[in-house]
Amino acid sequence: MAPTPPTDAELNVLIRARLAALGIDLDQLPPGTSPDPETGSPGRDSVLASLRSFMRGTVATLAAYQLPAPDGTEPDTAKALSQQHVPVLYPSNSTEWRKA
């Protein structure tokens, strides 16, 4: 059975929670869809609509992406290869960062 897509209200809760974890409060924006005439800040409802659209489209596409595997690779192996760490320009910095 395919999962049921989230409703607008469920996505709003997810978006607000993720932004709150980063210290962003959408209640600071003007209510509605019209931008603030003085600051140009977008309306809260238009920001939520844009973020819902992003979550429904872009996130699913990014989550489904797999790195290309060499020709002739078996499908099970190709999926495992796509989970490897990407090459890092300066591995020593990355190694130290992961120790913390």
PDB file of N, CA and C in Angstrom:
ATOM      1  N   MET A   1       0.847  -1.177   0.000  1.00  0.00           N
ATOM      2  CA  MET A   1       0.000   0.000   0.000  1.00  0.00           C
ATOM      3  C   MET A   1       0.890   1.237   0.000  1.00  0.00           C
ATOM      4  N   ALA A   2       0.603   2.148  -0.894  1.00  0.00           N
ATOM      5  CA  ALA A   2       1.389   3.375  -1.012  1.00  0.00           C
ATOM      6  C   ALA A   2       1.107   4.301   0.164  1.00  0.00           C
ATOM      7  N   PRO A   3       2.122   5.016   0.631  1.00  0.00           N
ATOM      8  CA  PRO A   3       1.887   5.948   1.736  1.00  0.00           C
ATOM      9  C   PRO A   3       0.983   7.102   1.293  1.00  0.00           C
ATOM     10  N   THR A   4       0.211   7.595   2.221  1.00  0.00           N
ATOM     11  CA  THR A   4      -0.677   8.730   1.947  1.00  0.00           C
ATOM     12  C   THR A   4       0.137  10.018   2.005  1.00  0.00           C
ATOM     13  N   PRO A   5       0.040  10.853   0.971  1.00  0.00           N
ATOM     14  CA  PRO A   5       0.778  12.124   1.011  1.00  0.00           C
ATOM     15  C   PRO A   5       0.295  12.986   2.178  1.00  0.00           C
ATOM     16  N   PRO A   6       1.178  13.757   2.789  1.00  0.00           N
ATOM     17  CA  PRO A   6       0.765  14.597   3.920  1.00  0.00           C
ATOM     18  C   PRO A   6      -0.174  15.719   3.476  1.00  0.00           C
ATOM     19  N   THR A   7      -1.040  16.106   4.375  1.00  0.00           N
ATOM     20  CA  THR A   7      -1.952  17.222   4.108  1.00  0.00           C
ATOM     21  C   THR A   7      -1.188  18.542   4.275  1.00  0.00           C
ATOM     22  N   ASP A   8      -1.830  19.629   3.852  1.00  0.00           N
ATOM     23  CA  ASP A   8      -1.217  20.947   4.036  1.00  0.00           C
ATOM     24  C   ASP A   8      -0.953  21.233   5.511  1.00  0.00           C
ATOM     25  N   ALA A   9      -1.910  20.873   6.374  1.00  0.00           N
ATOM     26  CA  ALA A   9      -1.752  21.128   7.813  1.00  0.00           C
ATOM     27  C   ALA A   9      -0.568  20.336   8.376  1.00  0.00           C
ATOM     28  N   GLU A  10      -0.419  19.081   7.944  1.00  0.00           N
ATOM     29  CA  GLU A  10       0.705  18.267   8.430  1.00  0.00           C
ATOM     30  C   GLU A  10       2.034  18.836   7.950  1.00  0.00           C
ATOM     31  N   LEU A  11       2.080  19.272   6.698  1.00  0.00           N
ATOM     32  CA  LEU A  11       3.310  19.888   6.195  1.00  0.00           C
ATOM     33  C   LEU A  11       3.618  21.198   6.915  1.00  0.00           C
ATOM     34  N   ASN A  12       2.583  21.974   7.212  1.00  0.00           N
ATOM     35  CA  ASN A  12       2.797  23.225   7.960  1.00  0.00           C
ATOM     36  C   ASN A  12       3.451  22.944   9.308  1.00  0.00           C
ATOM     37  N   VAL A  13       2.985  21.898   9.999  1.00  0.00           N
ATOM     38  CA  VAL A  13       3.557  21.540  11.299  1.00  0.00           C
ATOM     39  C   VAL A  13       5.021  21.139  11.126  1.00  0.00           C
ATOM     40  N   LEU A  14       5.311  20.307  10.124  1.00  0.00           N
ATOM     41  CA  LEU A  14       6.688  19.893   9.867  1.00  0.00           C
ATOM     42  C   LEU A  14       7.578  21.090   9.547  1.00  0.00           C
ATOM     43  N   ILE A  15       7.125  21.947   8.661  1.00  0.00           N
ATOM     44  CA  ILE A  15       7.912  23.123   8.244  1.00  0.00           C
ATOM     45  C   ILE A  15       8.173  24.035   9.436  1.00  0.00           C
ATOM     46  N   ARG A  16       7.129  24.327  10.206  1.00  0.00           N
ATOM     47  CA  ARG A  16       7.302  25.212  11.367  1.00  0.00           C
ATOM     48  C   ARG A  16       8.258  24.604  12.398  1.00  0.00           C
ATOM     49  N   ALA A  17       8.160  23.292  12.602  1.00  0.00           N
ATOM     50  CA  ALA A  17       9.044  22.636  13.569  1.00  0.00           C
ATOM     51  C   ALA A  17      10.494  22.678  13.099  1.00  0.00           C
ATOM     52  N   ARG A  18      10.726  22.395  11.823  1.00  0.00           N
ATOM     53  CA  ARG A  18      12.103  22.420  11.310  1.00  0.00           C
ATOM     54  C   ARG A  18      12.691  23.824  11.380  1.00  0.00           C
ATOM     55  N   LEU A  19      11.886  24.823  11.017  1.00  0.00           N
ATOM     56  CA  LEU A  19      12.366  26.202  11.081  1.00  0.00           C
ATOM     57  C   LEU A  19      12.578  26.645  12.525  1.00  0.00           C
ATOM     58  N   ALA A  20      11.703  26.225  13.424  1.00  0.00           N
ATOM     59  CA  ALA A  20      11.855  26.584  14.842  1.00  0.00           C
ATOM     60  C   ALA A  20      13.140  25.987  15.411  1.00  0.00           C
ATOM     61  N   ALA A  21      13.490  24.789  14.958  1.00  0.00           N
ATOM     62  CA  ALA A  21      14.735  24.171  15.422  1.00  0.00           C
ATOM     63  C   ALA A  21      15.949  24.988  14.990  1.00  0.00           C
ATOM     64  N   LEU A  22      15.792  25.742  13.900  1.00  0.00           N
ATOM     65  CA  LEU A  22      16.874  26.611  13.423  1.00  0.00           C
ATOM     66  C   LEU A  22      16.778  28.026  13.983  1.00  0.00           C
ATOM     67  N   GLY A  23      15.742  28.279  14.778  1.00  0.00           N
ATOM     68  CA  GLY A  23      15.573  29.606  15.372  1.00  0.00           C
ATOM     69  C   GLY A  23      14.792  30.570  14.494  1.00  0.00           C
ATOM     70  N   ILE A  24      14.047  30.051  13.518  1.00  0.00           N
ATOM     71  CA  ILE A  24      13.269  30.901  12.614  1.00  0.00           C
ATOM     72  C   ILE A  24      11.800  30.818  13.010  1.00  0.00           C
ATOM     73  N   ASP A  25      11.193  31.968  13.259  1.00  0.00           N
ATOM     74  CA  ASP A  25       9.790  32.036  13.655  1.00  0.00           C
ATOM     75  C   ASP A  25       8.990  32.685  12.532  1.00  0.00           C
ATOM     76  N   LEU A  26       8.137  31.899  11.876  1.00  0.00           N
ATOM     77  CA  LEU A  26       7.336  32.431  10.772  1.00  0.00           C
ATOM     78  C   LEU A  26       6.293  33.433  11.240  1.00  0.00           C
ATOM     79  N   ASP A  27       5.998  33.442  12.531  1.00  0.00           N
ATOM     80  CA  ASP A  27       5.022  34.406  13.048  1.00  0.00           C
ATOM     81  C   ASP A  27       5.553  35.834  12.993  1.00  0.00           C
ATOM     82  N   GLN A  28       6.827  36.005  12.716  1.00  0.00           N
ATOM     83  CA  GLN A  28       7.396  37.349  12.565  1.00  0.00           C
ATOM     84  C   GLN A  28       7.016  37.965  11.222  1.00  0.00           C
ATOM     85  N   LEU A  29       6.560  37.123  10.280  1.00  0.00           N
ATOM     86  CA  LEU A  29       6.142  37.619   8.971  1.00  0.00           C
ATOM     87  C   LEU A  29       4.727  38.160   9.048  1.00  0.00           C
ATOM     88  N   PRO A  30       4.377  39.061   8.137  1.00  0.00           N
ATOM     89  CA  PRO A  30       3.001  39.574   8.145  1.00  0.00           C
ATOM     90  C   PRO A  30       2.018  38.467   7.768  1.00  0.00           C
ATOM     91  N   PRO A  31       0.831  38.457   8.375  1.00  0.00           N
ATOM     92  CA  PRO A  31      -0.145  37.410   8.042  1.00  0.00           C
ATOM     93  C   PRO A  31      -0.662  37.580   6.607  1.00  0.00           C
ATOM     94  N   GLY A  32      -1.182  36.486   6.061  1.00  0.00           N
ATOM     95  CA  GLY A  32      -1.783  36.536   4.725  1.00  0.00           C
ATOM     96  C   GLY A  32      -0.767  36.289   3.620  1.00  0.00           C
ATOM     97  N   THR A  33      -1.172  36.651   2.411  1.00  0.00           N
ATOM     98  CA  THR A  33      -0.308  36.404   1.248  1.00  0.00           C
ATOM     99  C   THR A  33       0.356  37.668   0.724  1.00  0.00           C
ATOM    100  N   SER A  34      -0.085  38.832   1.197  1.00  0.00           N
ATOM    101  CA  SER A  34       0.492  40.084   0.692  1.00  0.00           C
ATOM    102  C   SER A  34       1.798  40.413   1.403  1.00  0.00           C
ATOM    103  N   PRO A  35       2.785  40.890   0.645  1.00  0.00           N
ATOM    104  CA  PRO A  35       4.027  41.314   1.292  1.00  0.00           C
ATOM    105  C   PRO A  35       3.829  42.590   2.106  1.00  0.00           C
ATOM    106  N   ASP A  36       4.679  42.766   3.073  1.00  0.00           N
ATOM    107  CA  ASP A  36       4.653  43.977   3.889  1.00  0.00           C
ATOM    108  C   ASP A  36       5.068  45.155   3.008  1.00  0.00           C
ATOM    109  N   PRO A  37       4.268  46.228   2.959  1.00  0.00           N
ATOM    110  CA  PRO A  37       4.604  47.348   2.076  1.00  0.00           C
ATOM    111  C   PRO A  37       5.874  48.096   2.494  1.00  0.00           C
ATOM    112  N   GLU A  38       6.215  48.073   3.769  1.00  0.00           N
ATOM    113  CA  GLU A  38       7.404  48.808   4.229  1.00  0.00           C
ATOM    114  C   GLU A  38       8.685  48.008   4.061  1.00  0.00           C
ATOM    115  N   THR A  39       8.652  46.726   4.443  1.00  0.00           N
ATOM    116  CA  THR A  39       9.882  45.928   4.427  1.00  0.00           C
ATOM    117  C   THR A  39       9.999  45.015   3.211  1.00  0.00           C
ATOM    118  N   GLY A  40       8.859  44.725   2.573  1.00  0.00           N
ATOM    119  CA  GLY A  40       8.881  43.803   1.440  1.00  0.00           C
ATOM    120  C   GLY A  40       8.886  42.343   1.861  1.00  0.00           C
ATOM    121  N   SER A  41       8.767  42.084   3.161  1.00  0.00           N
ATOM    122  CA  SER A  41       8.731  40.699   3.647  1.00  0.00           C
ATOM    123  C   SER A  41       7.509  39.998   3.083  1.00  0.00           C
ATOM    124  N   PRO A  42       7.665  38.757   2.615  1.00  0.00           N
ATOM    125  CA  PRO A  42       6.503  38.049   2.066  1.00  0.00           C
ATOM    126  C   PRO A  42       5.509  37.702   3.164  1.00  0.00           C
ATOM    127  N   GLY A  43       4.271  37.493   2.784  1.00  0.00           N
ATOM    128  CA  GLY A  43       3.248  37.093   3.736  1.00  0.00           C
ATOM    129  C   GLY A  43       3.481  35.672   4.217  1.00  0.00           C
ATOM    130  N   ARG A  44       3.058  35.399   5.433  1.00  0.00           N
ATOM    131  CA  ARG A  44       3.251  34.088   6.066  1.00  0.00           C
ATOM    132  C   ARG A  44       2.641  32.969   5.236  1.00  0.00           C
ATOM    133  N   ASP A  45       1.421  33.185   4.732  1.00  0.00           N
ATOM    134  CA  ASP A  45       0.742  32.141   3.968  1.00  0.00           C
ATOM    135  C   ASP A  45       1.457  31.842   2.654  1.00  0.00           C
ATOM    136  N   SER A  46       1.996  32.859   2.019  1.00  0.00           N
ATOM    137  CA  SER A  46       2.709  32.616   0.762  1.00  0.00           C
ATOM    138  C   SER A  46       4.034  31.896   1.011  1.00  0.00           C
ATOM    139  N   VAL A  47       4.685  32.173   2.125  1.00  0.00           N
ATOM    140  CA  VAL A  47       5.922  31.464   2.468  1.00  0.00           C
ATOM    141  C   VAL A  47       5.621  29.989   2.739  1.00  0.00           C
ATOM    142  N   LEU A  48       4.573  29.725   3.513  1.00  0.00           N
ATOM    143  CA  LEU A  48       4.204  28.341   3.794  1.00  0.00           C
ATOM    144  C   LEU A  48       3.811  27.605   2.514  1.00  0.00           C
ATOM    145  N   ALA A  49       3.080  28.268   1.615  1.00  0.00           N
ATOM    146  CA  ALA A  49       2.690  27.631   0.350  1.00  0.00           C
ATOM    147  C   ALA A  49       3.927  27.295  -0.486  1.00  0.00           C
ATOM    148  N   SER A  50       4.882  28.194  -0.516  1.00  0.00           N
ATOM    149  CA  SER A  50       6.116  27.948  -1.270  1.00  0.00           C
ATOM    150  C   SER A  50       6.912  26.799  -0.666  1.00  0.00           C
ATOM    151  N   LEU A  51       7.017  26.765   0.656  1.00  0.00           N
ATOM    152  CA  LEU A  51       7.763  25.692   1.318  1.00  0.00           C
ATOM    153  C   LEU A  51       7.045  24.349   1.190  1.00  0.00           C
ATOM    154  N   ARG A  52       5.715  24.351   1.205  1.00  0.00           N
ATOM    155  CA  ARG A  52       4.972  23.104   0.979  1.00  0.00           C
ATOM    156  C   ARG A  52       5.232  22.582  -0.426  1.00  0.00           C
ATOM    157  N   SER A  53       5.245  23.469  -1.393  1.00  0.00           N
ATOM    158  CA  SER A  53       5.519  23.074  -2.771  1.00  0.00           C
ATOM    159  C   SER A  53       6.923  22.486  -2.888  1.00  0.00           C
ATOM    160  N   PHE A  54       7.885  23.105  -2.224  1.00  0.00           N
ATOM    161  CA  PHE A  54       9.262  22.590  -2.216  1.00  0.00           C
ATOM    162  C   PHE A  54       9.319  21.200  -1.597  1.00  0.00           C
ATOM    163  N   MET A  55       8.647  21.026  -0.464  1.00  0.00           N
ATOM    164  CA  MET A  55       8.665  19.732   0.227  1.00  0.00           C
ATOM    165  C   MET A  55       8.013  18.640  -0.624  1.00  0.00           C
ATOM    166  N   ARG A  56       6.957  18.971  -1.318  1.00  0.00           N
ATOM    167  CA  ARG A  56       6.259  17.964  -2.128  1.00  0.00           C
ATOM    168  C   ARG A  56       7.023  17.603  -3.393  1.00  0.00           C
ATOM    169  N   GLY A  57       7.778  18.522  -3.939  1.00  0.00           N
ATOM    170  CA  GLY A  57       8.445  18.259  -5.203  1.00  0.00           C
ATOM    171  C   GLY A  57       9.920  17.949  -5.084  1.00  0.00           C
ATOM    172  N   THR A  58      10.672  18.895  -4.615  1.00  0.00           N
ATOM    173  CA  THR A  58      12.124  18.791  -4.626  1.00  0.00           C
ATOM    174  C   THR A  58      12.661  17.752  -3.653  1.00  0.00           C
ATOM    175  N   VAL A  59      12.124  17.678  -2.457  1.00  0.00           N
ATOM    176  CA  VAL A  59      12.649  16.759  -1.444  1.00  0.00           C
ATOM    177  C   VAL A  59      12.518  15.310  -1.904  1.00  0.00           C
ATOM    178  N   ALA A  60      11.370  14.956  -2.484  1.00  0.00           N
ATOM    179  CA  ALA A  60      11.179  13.580  -2.960  1.00  0.00           C
ATOM    180  C   ALA A  60      12.152  13.253  -4.091  1.00  0.00           C
ATOM    181  N   THR A  61      12.395  14.208  -4.961  1.00  0.00           N
ATOM    182  CA  THR A  61      13.329  14.001  -6.067  1.00  0.00           C
ATOM    183  C   THR A  61      14.743  13.801  -5.536  1.00  0.00           C
ATOM    184  N   LEU A  62      15.143  14.628  -4.586  1.00  0.00           N
ATOM    185  CA  LEU A  62      16.485  14.486  -4.011  1.00  0.00           C
ATOM    186  C   LEU A  62      16.640  13.182  -3.242  1.00  0.00           C
ATOM    187  N   ALA A  63      15.604  12.770  -2.538  1.00  0.00           N
ATOM    188  CA  ALA A  63      15.666  11.542  -1.759  1.00  0.00           C
ATOM    189  C   ALA A  63      15.779  10.314  -2.655  1.00  0.00           C
ATOM    190  N   ALA A  64      15.222  10.385  -3.866  1.00  0.00           N
ATOM    191  CA  ALA A  64      15.241   9.237  -4.772  1.00  0.00           C
ATOM    192  C   ALA A  64      16.527   9.156  -5.590  1.00  0.00           C
ATOM    193  N   TYR A  65      17.362  10.197  -5.550  1.00  0.00           N
ATOM    194  CA  TYR A  65      18.567  10.222  -6.372  1.00  0.00           C
ATOM    195  C   TYR A  65      19.578   9.176  -5.902  1.00  0.00           C
ATOM    196  N   GLN A  66      20.176   8.502  -6.863  1.00  0.00           N
ATOM    197  CA  GLN A  66      21.250   7.561  -6.573  1.00  0.00           C
ATOM    198  C   GLN A  66      22.447   7.920  -7.442  1.00  0.00           C
ATOM    199  N   LEU A  67      23.624   7.861  -6.856  1.00  0.00           N
ATOM    200  CA  LEU A  67      24.824   8.111  -7.643  1.00  0.00           C
ATOM    201  C   LEU A  67      24.934   7.053  -8.730  1.00  0.00           C
ATOM    202  N   PRO A  68      25.399   7.426  -9.916  1.00  0.00           N
ATOM    203  CA  PRO A  68      25.520   6.437 -10.979  1.00  0.00           C
ATOM    204  C   PRO A  68      26.582   5.393 -10.639  1.00  0.00           C
ATOM    205  N   ALA A  69      26.280   4.150 -10.971  1.00  0.00           N
ATOM    206  CA  ALA A  69      27.219   3.038 -10.751  1.00  0.00           C
ATOM    207  C   ALA A  69      27.864   2.681 -12.090  1.00  0.00           C
ATOM    208  N   PRO A  70      29.018   2.044 -12.055  1.00  0.00           N
ATOM    209  CA  PRO A  70      29.656   1.638 -13.312  1.00  0.00           C
ATOM    210  C   PRO A  70      28.757   0.708 -14.121  1.00  0.00           C
ATOM    211  N   ASP A  71      28.909   0.735 -15.442  1.00  0.00           N
ATOM    212  CA  ASP A  71      28.127  -0.139 -16.313  1.00  0.00           C
ATOM    213  C   ASP A  71      28.311  -1.598 -15.921  1.00  0.00           C
ATOM    214  N   GLY A  72      27.221  -2.347 -15.967  1.00  0.00           N
ATOM    215  CA  GLY A  72      27.273  -3.768 -15.666  1.00  0.00           C
ATOM    216  C   GLY A  72      27.141  -4.107 -14.194  1.00  0.00           C
ATOM    217  N   THR A  73      26.970  -3.112 -13.339  1.00  0.00           N
ATOM    218  CA  THR A  73      26.829  -3.356 -11.910  1.00  0.00           C
ATOM    219  C   THR A  73      25.437  -3.911 -11.619  1.00  0.00           C
ATOM    220  N   GLU A  74      25.357  -4.921 -10.784  1.00  0.00           N
ATOM    221  CA  GLU A  74      24.060  -5.492 -10.422  1.00  0.00           C
ATOM    222  C   GLU A  74      23.245  -4.464  -9.635  1.00  0.00           C
ATOM    223  N   PRO A  75      21.913  -4.484  -9.768  1.00  0.00           N
ATOM    224  CA  PRO A  75      21.074  -3.467  -9.106  1.00  0.00           C
ATOM    225  C   PRO A  75      21.271  -3.398  -7.585  1.00  0.00           C
ATOM    226  N   ASP A  76      21.405  -4.545  -6.916  1.00  0.00           N
ATOM    227  CA  ASP A  76      21.601  -4.518  -5.461  1.00  0.00           C
ATOM    228  C   ASP A  76      22.924  -3.861  -5.100  1.00  0.00           C
ATOM    229  N   THR A  77      23.951  -4.157  -5.860  1.00  0.00           N
ATOM    230  CA  THR A  77      25.267  -3.568  -5.612  1.00  0.00           C
ATOM    231  C   THR A  77      25.249  -2.075  -5.928  1.00  0.00           C
ATOM    232  N   ALA A  78      24.543  -1.696  -6.994  1.00  0.00           N
ATOM    233  CA  ALA A  78      24.473  -0.282  -7.383  1.00  0.00           C
ATOM    234  C   ALA A  78      23.840   0.548  -6.272  1.00  0.00           C
ATOM    235  N   LYS A  79      22.794   0.013  -5.635  1.00  0.00           N
ATOM    236  CA  LYS A  79      22.143   0.744  -4.547  1.00  0.00           C
ATOM    237  C   LYS A  79      23.104   0.912  -3.366  1.00  0.00           C
ATOM    238  N   ALA A  80      23.858  -0.130  -3.052  1.00  0.00           N
ATOM    239  CA  ALA A  80      24.829  -0.044  -1.953  1.00  0.00           C
ATOM    240  C   ALA A  80      25.936   0.949  -2.289  1.00  0.00           C
ATOM    241  N   LEU A  81      26.373   0.971  -3.543  1.00  0.00           N
ATOM    242  CA  LEU A  81      27.427   1.912  -3.942  1.00  0.00           C
ATOM    243  C   LEU A  81      26.972   3.360  -3.809  1.00  0.00           C
ATOM    244  N   SER A  82      25.684   3.598  -4.011  1.00  0.00           N
ATOM    245  CA  SER A  82      25.192   4.969  -3.940  1.00  0.00           C
ATOM    246  C   SER A  82      25.175   5.498  -2.509  1.00  0.00           C
ATOM    247  N   GLN A  83      25.337   4.620  -1.521  1.00  0.00           N
ATOM    248  CA  GLN A  83      25.319   5.037  -0.120  1.00  0.00           C
ATOM    249  C   GLN A  83      26.705   5.349   0.430  1.00  0.00           C
ATOM    250  N   GLN A  84      27.733   5.238  -0.410  1.00  0.00           N
ATOM    251  CA  GLN A  84      29.093   5.519   0.053  1.00  0.00           C
ATOM    252  C   GLN A  84      29.278   7.009   0.294  1.00  0.00           C
ATOM    253  N   HIS A  85      30.283   7.329   1.095  1.00  0.00           N
ATOM    254  CA  HIS A  85      30.599   8.733   1.361  1.00  0.00           C
ATOM    255  C   HIS A  85      31.130   9.383   0.087  1.00  0.00           C
ATOM    256  N   VAL A  86      30.765  10.620  -0.106  1.00  0.00           N
ATOM    257  CA  VAL A  86      31.279  11.341  -1.271  1.00  0.00           C
ATOM    258  C   VAL A  86      32.723  11.738  -1.004  1.00  0.00           C
ATOM    259  N   PRO A  87      33.528  11.882  -2.052  1.00  0.00           N
ATOM    260  CA  PRO A  87      34.905  12.308  -1.847  1.00  0.00           C
ATOM    261  C   PRO A  87      34.947  13.712  -1.232  1.00  0.00           C
ATOM    262  N   VAL A  88      35.901  13.933  -0.368  1.00  0.00           N
ATOM    263  CA  VAL A  88      36.043  15.217   0.309  1.00  0.00           C
ATOM    264  C   VAL A  88      37.335  15.868  -0.163  1.00  0.00           C
ATOM    265  N   LEU A  89      37.272  17.167  -0.408  1.00  0.00           N
ATOM    266  CA  LEU A  89      38.446  17.882  -0.911  1.00  0.00           C
ATOM    267  C   LEU A  89      39.597  17.841   0.097  1.00  0.00           C
ATOM    268  N   TYR A  90      39.292  18.056   1.370  1.00  0.00           N
ATOM    269  CA  TYR A  90      40.313  18.029   2.408  1.00  0.00           C
ATOM    270  C   TYR A  90      39.914  16.986   3.454  1.00  0.00           C
ATOM    271  N   PRO A  91      40.269  15.714   3.254  1.00  0.00           N
ATOM    272  CA  PRO A  91      39.818  14.658   4.166  1.00  0.00           C
ATOM    273  C   PRO A  91      40.259  14.854   5.612  1.00  0.00           C
ATOM    274  N   SER A  92      41.428  15.455   5.835  1.00  0.00           N
ATOM    275  CA  SER A  92      41.893  15.605   7.212  1.00  0.00           C
ATOM    276  C   SER A  92      40.944  16.490   8.018  1.00  0.00           C
ATOM    277  N   ASN A  93      40.415  17.537   7.393  1.00  0.00           N
ATOM    278  CA  ASN A  93      39.463  18.409   8.091  1.00  0.00           C
ATOM    279  C   ASN A  93      38.191  17.645   8.432  1.00  0.00           C
ATOM    280  N   SER A  94      37.721  16.852   7.497  1.00  0.00           N
ATOM    281  CA  SER A  94      36.510  16.074   7.725  1.00  0.00           C
ATOM    282  C   SER A  94      36.714  15.053   8.817  1.00  0.00           C
ATOM    283  N   THR A  95      37.867  14.422   8.846  1.00  0.00           N
ATOM    284  CA  THR A  95      38.168  13.413   9.862  1.00  0.00           C
ATOM    285  C   THR A  95      38.167  14.051  11.248  1.00  0.00           C
ATOM    286  N   GLU A  96      38.812  15.174  11.405  1.00  0.00           N
ATOM    287  CA  GLU A  96      38.841  15.873  12.692  1.00  0.00           C
ATOM    288  C   GLU A  96      37.453  16.312  13.115  1.00  0.00           C
ATOM    289  N   TRP A  97      36.654  16.776  12.152  1.00  0.00           N
ATOM    290  CA  TRP A  97      35.312  17.254  12.463  1.00  0.00           C
ATOM    291  C   TRP A  97      34.454  16.113  12.994  1.00  0.00           C
ATOM    292  N   ARG A  98      34.598  14.908  12.427  1.00  0.00           N
ATOM    293  CA  ARG A  98      33.792  13.775  12.868  1.00  0.00           C
ATOM    294  C   ARG A  98      34.204  13.259  14.224  1.00  0.00           C
ATOM    295  N   LYS A  99      35.417  13.554  14.682  1.00  0.00           N
ATOM    296  CA  LYS A  99      35.872  13.102  16.004  1.00  0.00           C
ATOM    297  C   LYS A  99      35.178  13.873  17.123  1.00  0.00           C
ATOM    298  N   ALA A 100      34.741  15.084  16.821  1.00  0.00           N
ATOM    299  CA  ALA A 100      34.134  15.951  17.855  1.00  0.00           C
ATOM    300  C   ALA A 100      32.803  15.444  18.313  1.00  0.00           C
TER     301      ALA A 100
END
